[in-house]
Amino acid sequence: MVLLLKSANMSRTVQLEVEIPGELARLRLPQGVERRLHQLLDKQDSGQQLTDDERREAEGLAELNDLLSLLRLRSERLGKRAA
């Protein structure tokens, strides 16, 4: 499978070719990492300003979470095709 990933500012595209194992459908952020992402997003949503470090952390965790979600969805879709 080929994945096309674009950076947040859309100035770069990276093409990856990966084999997706069946276990990928269960791949998630660890609970502590997901909890931290939600803490940062909740802080931002409540109107509090994130520090530069917090903003970078939140952006990185959100991008990782999005990538994992994309890989899970692709894995599920491929699994349905194979069935």
N, C-alpha and C. Protein backbone atom coordinates (compact mmCIF):
# COMPACT_ATOMS: atom_id res chain seq x y z
N MET A 1 0.84 -1.17 0.00
CA MET A 1 0.00 0.00 0.00
C MET A 1 0.89 1.23 0.00
N VAL A 2 0.47 2.26 -0.67
CA VAL A 2 1.21 3.52 -0.71
C VAL A 2 0.41 4.57 0.04
N LEU A 3 1.08 5.26 0.97
CA LEU A 3 0.47 6.35 1.71
C LEU A 3 1.10 7.64 1.27
N LEU A 4 0.30 8.66 1.04
CA LEU A 4 0.82 9.99 0.75
C LEU A 4 0.54 10.86 1.97
N LEU A 5 1.59 11.38 2.55
CA LEU A 5 1.46 12.23 3.73
C LEU A 5 1.89 13.63 3.37
N LYS A 6 1.12 14.60 3.79
CA LYS A 6 1.46 16.00 3.53
C LYS A 6 1.74 16.68 4.85
N SER A 7 2.70 17.58 4.84
CA SER A 7 3.02 18.33 6.05
C SER A 7 1.90 19.32 6.34
N ALA A 8 1.90 19.84 7.56
CA ALA A 8 0.83 20.75 7.98
C ALA A 8 0.71 21.96 7.06
N ASN A 9 1.83 22.45 6.55
CA ASN A 9 1.76 23.62 5.67
C ASN A 9 1.63 23.23 4.21
N MET A 10 1.51 21.94 3.94
CA MET A 10 1.27 21.39 2.60
C MET A 10 2.37 21.71 1.59
N SER A 11 3.55 22.05 2.07
CA SER A 11 4.63 22.36 1.14
C SER A 11 5.42 21.12 0.74
N ARG A 12 5.23 20.04 1.47
CA ARG A 12 5.96 18.81 1.16
C ARG A 12 5.02 17.62 1.15
N THR A 13 5.30 16.69 0.26
CA THR A 13 4.57 15.43 0.24
C THR A 13 5.59 14.31 0.35
N VAL A 14 5.29 13.36 1.22
CA VAL A 14 6.17 12.22 1.41
C VAL A 14 5.39 10.98 1.02
N GLN A 15 5.99 10.13 0.21
CA GLN A 15 5.34 8.90 -0.21
C GLN A 15 6.00 7.73 0.49
N LEU A 16 5.20 6.94 1.16
CA LEU A 16 5.68 5.77 1.87
C LEU A 16 4.99 4.54 1.31
N GLU A 17 5.74 3.48 1.14
CA GLU A 17 5.14 2.21 0.76
C GLU A 17 5.35 1.27 1.92
N VAL A 18 4.26 0.80 2.50
CA VAL A 18 4.35 -0.02 3.70
C VAL A 18 3.47 -1.26 3.57
N GLU A 19 3.89 -2.31 4.24
CA GLU A 19 3.04 -3.49 4.39
C GLU A 19 2.33 -3.34 5.72
N ILE A 20 1.05 -3.62 5.73
CA ILE A 20 0.27 -3.41 6.93
C ILE A 20 -0.06 -4.76 7.57
N PRO A 21 0.46 -4.99 8.77
CA PRO A 21 0.13 -6.24 9.48
C PRO A 21 -1.29 -6.18 10.02
N GLY A 22 -1.89 -7.32 10.25
CA GLY A 22 -3.25 -7.39 10.76
C GLY A 22 -3.42 -6.75 12.11
N GLU A 23 -2.37 -6.76 12.94
CA GLU A 23 -2.45 -6.20 14.28
C GLU A 23 -2.58 -4.68 14.26
N LEU A 24 -2.33 -4.08 13.13
CA LEU A 24 -2.35 -2.62 13.03
C LEU A 24 -3.71 -2.05 13.38
N ALA A 25 -4.76 -2.81 13.14
CA ALA A 25 -6.11 -2.34 13.43
C ALA A 25 -6.30 -2.06 14.91
N ARG A 26 -5.44 -2.62 15.76
CA ARG A 26 -5.54 -2.40 17.20
C ARG A 26 -4.56 -1.35 17.71
N LEU A 27 -3.75 -0.79 16.82
CA LEU A 27 -2.72 0.16 17.22
C LEU A 27 -3.33 1.49 17.62
N ARG A 28 -3.01 1.94 18.83
CA ARG A 28 -3.53 3.19 19.37
C ARG A 28 -2.43 3.89 20.16
N LEU A 29 -2.64 5.16 20.44
CA LEU A 29 -1.73 5.86 21.34
C LEU A 29 -1.84 5.21 22.72
N PRO A 30 -0.74 5.10 23.44
CA PRO A 30 -0.83 4.62 24.83
C PRO A 30 -1.76 5.53 25.63
N GLN A 31 -2.41 4.99 26.64
CA GLN A 31 -3.40 5.76 27.42
C GLN A 31 -2.81 7.05 27.98
N GLY A 32 -1.60 7.00 28.52
CA GLY A 32 -1.00 8.19 29.10
C GLY A 32 -0.75 9.26 28.06
N VAL A 33 -0.35 8.86 26.86
CA VAL A 33 -0.08 9.81 25.77
C VAL A 33 -1.40 10.41 25.29
N GLU A 34 -2.41 9.56 25.15
CA GLU A 34 -3.72 10.07 24.73
C GLU A 34 -4.30 11.03 25.78
N ARG A 35 -4.11 10.69 27.06
CA ARG A 35 -4.59 11.56 28.14
C ARG A 35 -3.89 12.92 28.07
N ARG A 36 -2.56 12.91 27.81
CA ARG A 36 -1.82 14.17 27.71
C ARG A 36 -2.33 15.00 26.54
N LEU A 37 -2.57 14.37 25.40
CA LEU A 37 -3.10 15.10 24.24
C LEU A 37 -4.43 15.75 24.60
N HIS A 38 -5.31 15.01 25.28
CA HIS A 38 -6.60 15.57 25.65
C HIS A 38 -6.46 16.70 26.67
N GLN A 39 -5.50 16.59 27.59
CA GLN A 39 -5.26 17.68 28.54
C GLN A 39 -4.88 18.96 27.79
N LEU A 40 -3.98 18.82 26.84
CA LEU A 40 -3.54 20.00 26.08
C LEU A 40 -4.68 20.58 25.25
N LEU A 41 -5.46 19.72 24.60
CA LEU A 41 -6.57 20.20 23.79
C LEU A 41 -7.66 20.83 24.66
N ASP A 42 -7.92 20.23 25.83
CA ASP A 42 -8.91 20.80 26.74
C ASP A 42 -8.46 22.17 27.24
N LYS A 43 -7.18 22.30 27.54
CA LYS A 43 -6.65 23.60 27.98
C LYS A 43 -6.86 24.65 26.90
N GLN A 44 -6.54 24.28 25.68
CA GLN A 44 -6.70 25.20 24.55
C GLN A 44 -8.18 25.54 24.34
N ASP A 45 -9.03 24.53 24.40
CA ASP A 45 -10.46 24.74 24.17
C ASP A 45 -11.10 25.61 25.25
N SER A 46 -10.51 25.62 26.45
CA SER A 46 -11.06 26.43 27.54
C SER A 46 -10.62 27.89 27.45
N GLY A 47 -9.85 28.21 26.42
CA GLY A 47 -9.44 29.59 26.21
C GLY A 47 -8.07 29.92 26.77
N GLN A 48 -7.44 28.96 27.43
CA GLN A 48 -6.10 29.19 27.95
C GLN A 48 -5.10 29.04 26.80
N GLN A 49 -4.12 29.89 26.80
CA GLN A 49 -3.12 29.83 25.74
C GLN A 49 -2.06 28.78 26.09
N LEU A 50 -1.73 27.95 25.11
CA LEU A 50 -0.66 26.97 25.29
C LEU A 50 0.69 27.66 25.14
N THR A 51 1.67 27.17 25.89
CA THR A 51 3.03 27.67 25.69
C THR A 51 3.52 27.15 24.35
N ASP A 52 4.61 27.68 23.86
CA ASP A 52 5.16 27.21 22.59
C ASP A 52 5.48 25.71 22.66
N ASP A 53 6.07 25.28 23.79
CA ASP A 53 6.38 23.85 23.94
C ASP A 53 5.12 23.00 23.97
N GLU A 54 4.09 23.47 24.67
CA GLU A 54 2.83 22.73 24.72
C GLU A 54 2.18 22.67 23.34
N ARG A 55 2.23 23.77 22.62
CA ARG A 55 1.63 23.79 21.28
C ARG A 55 2.34 22.79 20.36
N ARG A 56 3.67 22.80 20.40
CA ARG A 56 4.43 21.84 19.56
C ARG A 56 4.13 20.40 19.99
N GLU A 57 4.05 20.18 21.29
CA GLU A 57 3.73 18.84 21.79
C GLU A 57 2.35 18.41 21.31
N ALA A 58 1.37 19.29 21.44
CA ALA A 58 0.00 18.97 21.02
C ALA A 58 -0.06 18.71 19.52
N GLU A 59 0.62 19.52 18.73
CA GLU A 59 0.63 19.33 17.28
C GLU A 59 1.26 17.99 16.92
N GLY A 60 2.37 17.66 17.56
CA GLY A 60 3.04 16.39 17.27
C GLY A 60 2.19 15.19 17.65
N LEU A 61 1.56 15.26 18.83
CA LEU A 61 0.71 14.16 19.27
C LEU A 61 -0.53 14.03 18.39
N ALA A 62 -1.10 15.15 17.98
CA ALA A 62 -2.27 15.12 17.10
C ALA A 62 -1.91 14.53 15.75
N GLU A 63 -0.74 14.89 15.21
CA GLU A 63 -0.30 14.33 13.93
C GLU A 63 -0.07 12.83 14.05
N LEU A 64 0.55 12.39 15.15
CA LEU A 64 0.77 10.97 15.36
C LEU A 64 -0.56 10.24 15.48
N ASN A 65 -1.50 10.81 16.23
CA ASN A 65 -2.82 10.20 16.37
C ASN A 65 -3.53 10.11 15.02
N ASP A 66 -3.43 11.16 14.22
CA ASP A 66 -4.03 11.14 12.88
C ASP A 66 -3.42 10.05 12.01
N LEU A 67 -2.10 9.92 12.07
CA LEU A 67 -1.41 8.89 11.28
C LEU A 67 -1.86 7.50 11.70
N LEU A 68 -1.93 7.26 13.01
CA LEU A 68 -2.38 5.96 13.50
C LEU A 68 -3.82 5.68 13.06
N SER A 69 -4.66 6.70 13.11
CA SER A 69 -6.05 6.53 12.67
C SER A 69 -6.12 6.19 11.19
N LEU A 70 -5.33 6.89 10.39
CA LEU A 70 -5.29 6.62 8.95
C LEU A 70 -4.82 5.20 8.68
N LEU A 71 -3.78 4.76 9.36
CA LEU A 71 -3.28 3.41 9.17
C LEU A 71 -4.31 2.37 9.60
N ARG A 72 -5.02 2.62 10.71
CA ARG A 72 -6.07 1.69 11.15
C ARG A 72 -7.18 1.59 10.11
N LEU A 73 -7.61 2.75 9.59
CA LEU A 73 -8.68 2.74 8.59
C LEU A 73 -8.26 2.02 7.32
N ARG A 74 -7.03 2.28 6.88
CA ARG A 74 -6.53 1.58 5.68
C ARG A 74 -6.45 0.09 5.93
N SER A 75 -6.00 -0.30 7.11
CA SER A 75 -5.89 -1.71 7.46
C SER A 75 -7.27 -2.36 7.45
N GLU A 76 -8.25 -1.67 8.04
CA GLU A 76 -9.62 -2.20 8.06
C GLU A 76 -10.17 -2.34 6.64
N ARG A 77 -9.92 -1.34 5.81
CA ARG A 77 -10.41 -1.37 4.43
C ARG A 77 -9.77 -2.53 3.67
N LEU A 78 -8.47 -2.71 3.83
CA LEU A 78 -7.80 -3.82 3.15
C LEU A 78 -8.30 -5.16 3.66
N GLY A 79 -8.58 -5.23 4.96
CA GLY A 79 -9.10 -6.47 5.54
C GLY A 79 -10.46 -6.84 4.98
N LYS A 80 -11.30 -5.83 4.74
CA LYS A 80 -12.62 -6.07 4.16
C LYS A 80 -12.52 -6.54 2.71
N ARG A 81 -11.55 -5.98 1.98
CA ARG A 81 -11.35 -6.41 0.58
C ARG A 81 -10.87 -7.85 0.50
N ALA A 82 -10.02 -8.25 1.44
CA ALA A 82 -9.46 -9.60 1.42
C ALA A 82 -10.50 -10.64 1.85
N ALA A 83 -11.53 -10.21 2.59
CA ALA A 83 -12.54 -11.14 3.10
C ALA A 83 -13.54 -11.53 2.05
